Amino acid sequence: MNSLQRQASSTMFNSRFGVRAAGGILSHRDAHLVPDQFVKQLAEHAAGNGVQLTPSVELIGFETSGRRVTRVHTTRGHISGEEVVLAGGSWT
């Protein structure tokens, strides 16, 4: 038993599900991000590539042509564009 195994076995815990467990799994393919930082950098990248961002605006309605949104009605007026993305938060 190596030192990591000894440390893991000495720090076993009971979860709220009644399972005794120790240790973890390291996966070099997994990743982690901080949502607010990711969204900020994504917005900066999009704006730098010509995307018009309109944050903190309430959607009132929209107009369509066929299956496409052609105009968005907001609390700050109307917005038209070739493509419309309605994003409600970090995970949208």
Protein backbone atom coordinates (compact mmCIF):
# COMPACT_ATOMS: atom_id res chain seq x y z
CA MET A 1 0.00 0.00 0.00
CA ASN A 2 1.52 3.34 -1.05
CA SER A 3 1.19 6.58 0.92
CA LEU A 4 -1.74 7.83 -1.18
CA GLN A 5 -3.65 4.60 -0.58
CA ARG A 6 -2.90 4.80 3.17
CA GLN A 7 -4.10 8.42 3.28
CA ALA A 8 -7.28 7.55 1.37
CA SER A 9 -8.06 4.58 3.59
CA SER A 10 -7.56 6.68 6.71
CA THR A 11 -9.92 9.41 5.48
CA MET A 12 -12.94 7.33 4.54
CA PHE A 13 -16.23 9.10 4.96
CA ASN A 14 -19.93 8.32 5.11
CA SER A 15 -22.01 10.10 2.51
CA ARG A 16 -25.60 11.05 3.07
CA PHE A 17 -26.47 8.02 0.94
CA GLY A 18 -24.91 5.65 3.46
CA VAL A 19 -21.99 4.70 1.22
CA ARG A 20 -18.53 4.45 2.72
CA ALA A 21 -16.06 5.69 0.15
CA ALA A 22 -12.53 6.96 -0.14
CA GLY A 23 -10.47 8.26 -2.99
CA GLY A 24 -11.34 9.57 -6.40
CA ILE A 25 -10.63 9.23 -10.07
CA LEU A 26 -8.19 11.31 -12.08
CA SER A 27 -9.11 11.69 -15.73
CA HIS A 28 -6.75 13.68 -17.93
CA ARG A 29 -9.59 14.20 -20.42
CA ASP A 30 -11.93 15.95 -17.97
CA ALA A 31 -12.02 19.71 -17.72
CA HIS A 32 -13.32 22.40 -15.41
CA LEU A 33 -14.36 25.97 -16.05
CA VAL A 34 -15.73 28.89 -14.11
CA PRO A 35 -19.05 29.79 -15.81
CA ASP A 36 -18.94 33.56 -15.35
CA GLN A 37 -15.37 33.78 -16.65
CA PHE A 38 -16.20 31.51 -19.59
CA VAL A 39 -19.25 33.59 -20.56
CA LYS A 40 -17.28 36.84 -20.24
CA GLN A 41 -14.51 35.56 -22.52
CA LEU A 42 -17.02 34.07 -24.96
CA ALA A 43 -18.84 37.43 -25.15
CA GLU A 44 -15.55 39.27 -25.74
CA HIS A 45 -14.63 36.83 -28.51
CA ALA A 46 -18.06 37.10 -30.14
CA ALA A 47 -18.08 40.92 -29.97
CA GLY A 48 -14.58 40.98 -31.46
CA ASN A 49 -15.93 38.99 -34.40
CA GLY A 50 -18.82 41.33 -35.18
CA VAL A 51 -21.58 39.91 -32.99
CA GLN A 52 -23.93 42.49 -31.48
CA LEU A 53 -24.57 41.59 -27.85
CA THR A 54 -27.50 43.10 -25.96
CA PRO A 55 -27.24 41.96 -22.33
CA SER A 56 -29.74 42.61 -19.54
CA VAL A 57 -32.67 43.17 -21.91
CA GLU A 58 -36.16 41.79 -21.42
CA LEU A 59 -37.65 40.03 -24.44
CA ILE A 60 -41.21 41.16 -25.12
CA GLY A 61 -41.83 39.30 -28.38
CA PHE A 62 -40.52 38.61 -31.84
CA GLU A 63 -41.51 38.54 -35.49
CA THR A 64 -40.96 35.57 -37.76
CA SER A 65 -40.85 34.78 -41.43
CA GLY A 66 -41.51 31.10 -41.93
CA ARG A 67 -39.44 29.36 -39.27
CA ARG A 68 -36.93 32.20 -38.85
CA VAL A 69 -36.91 34.98 -36.27
CA THR A 70 -36.49 38.23 -38.20
CA ARG A 71 -37.00 40.85 -35.49
CA VAL A 72 -36.87 40.85 -31.71
CA HIS A 73 -38.94 43.23 -29.57
CA THR A 74 -37.23 44.17 -26.30
CA THR A 75 -37.56 46.69 -23.51
CA ARG A 76 -34.86 48.69 -25.32
CA GLY A 77 -36.53 48.68 -28.72
CA HIS A 78 -36.49 46.41 -31.76
CA ILE A 79 -33.50 44.42 -32.99
CA SER A 80 -33.20 42.90 -36.46
CA GLY A 81 -30.50 40.61 -37.76
CA GLU A 82 -29.69 37.66 -39.99
CA GLU A 83 -29.35 35.36 -36.99
CA VAL A 84 -30.79 35.62 -33.48
CA VAL A 85 -29.58 33.76 -30.40
CA LEU A 86 -31.73 33.98 -27.28
CA ALA A 87 -29.52 33.08 -24.33
CA GLY A 88 -30.97 32.97 -20.85
CA GLY A 89 -27.81 32.27 -18.89
CA SER A 90 -24.38 30.65 -18.73
CA TRP A 91 -25.57 27.23 -19.80
CA THR A 92 -27.87 28.30 -22.64
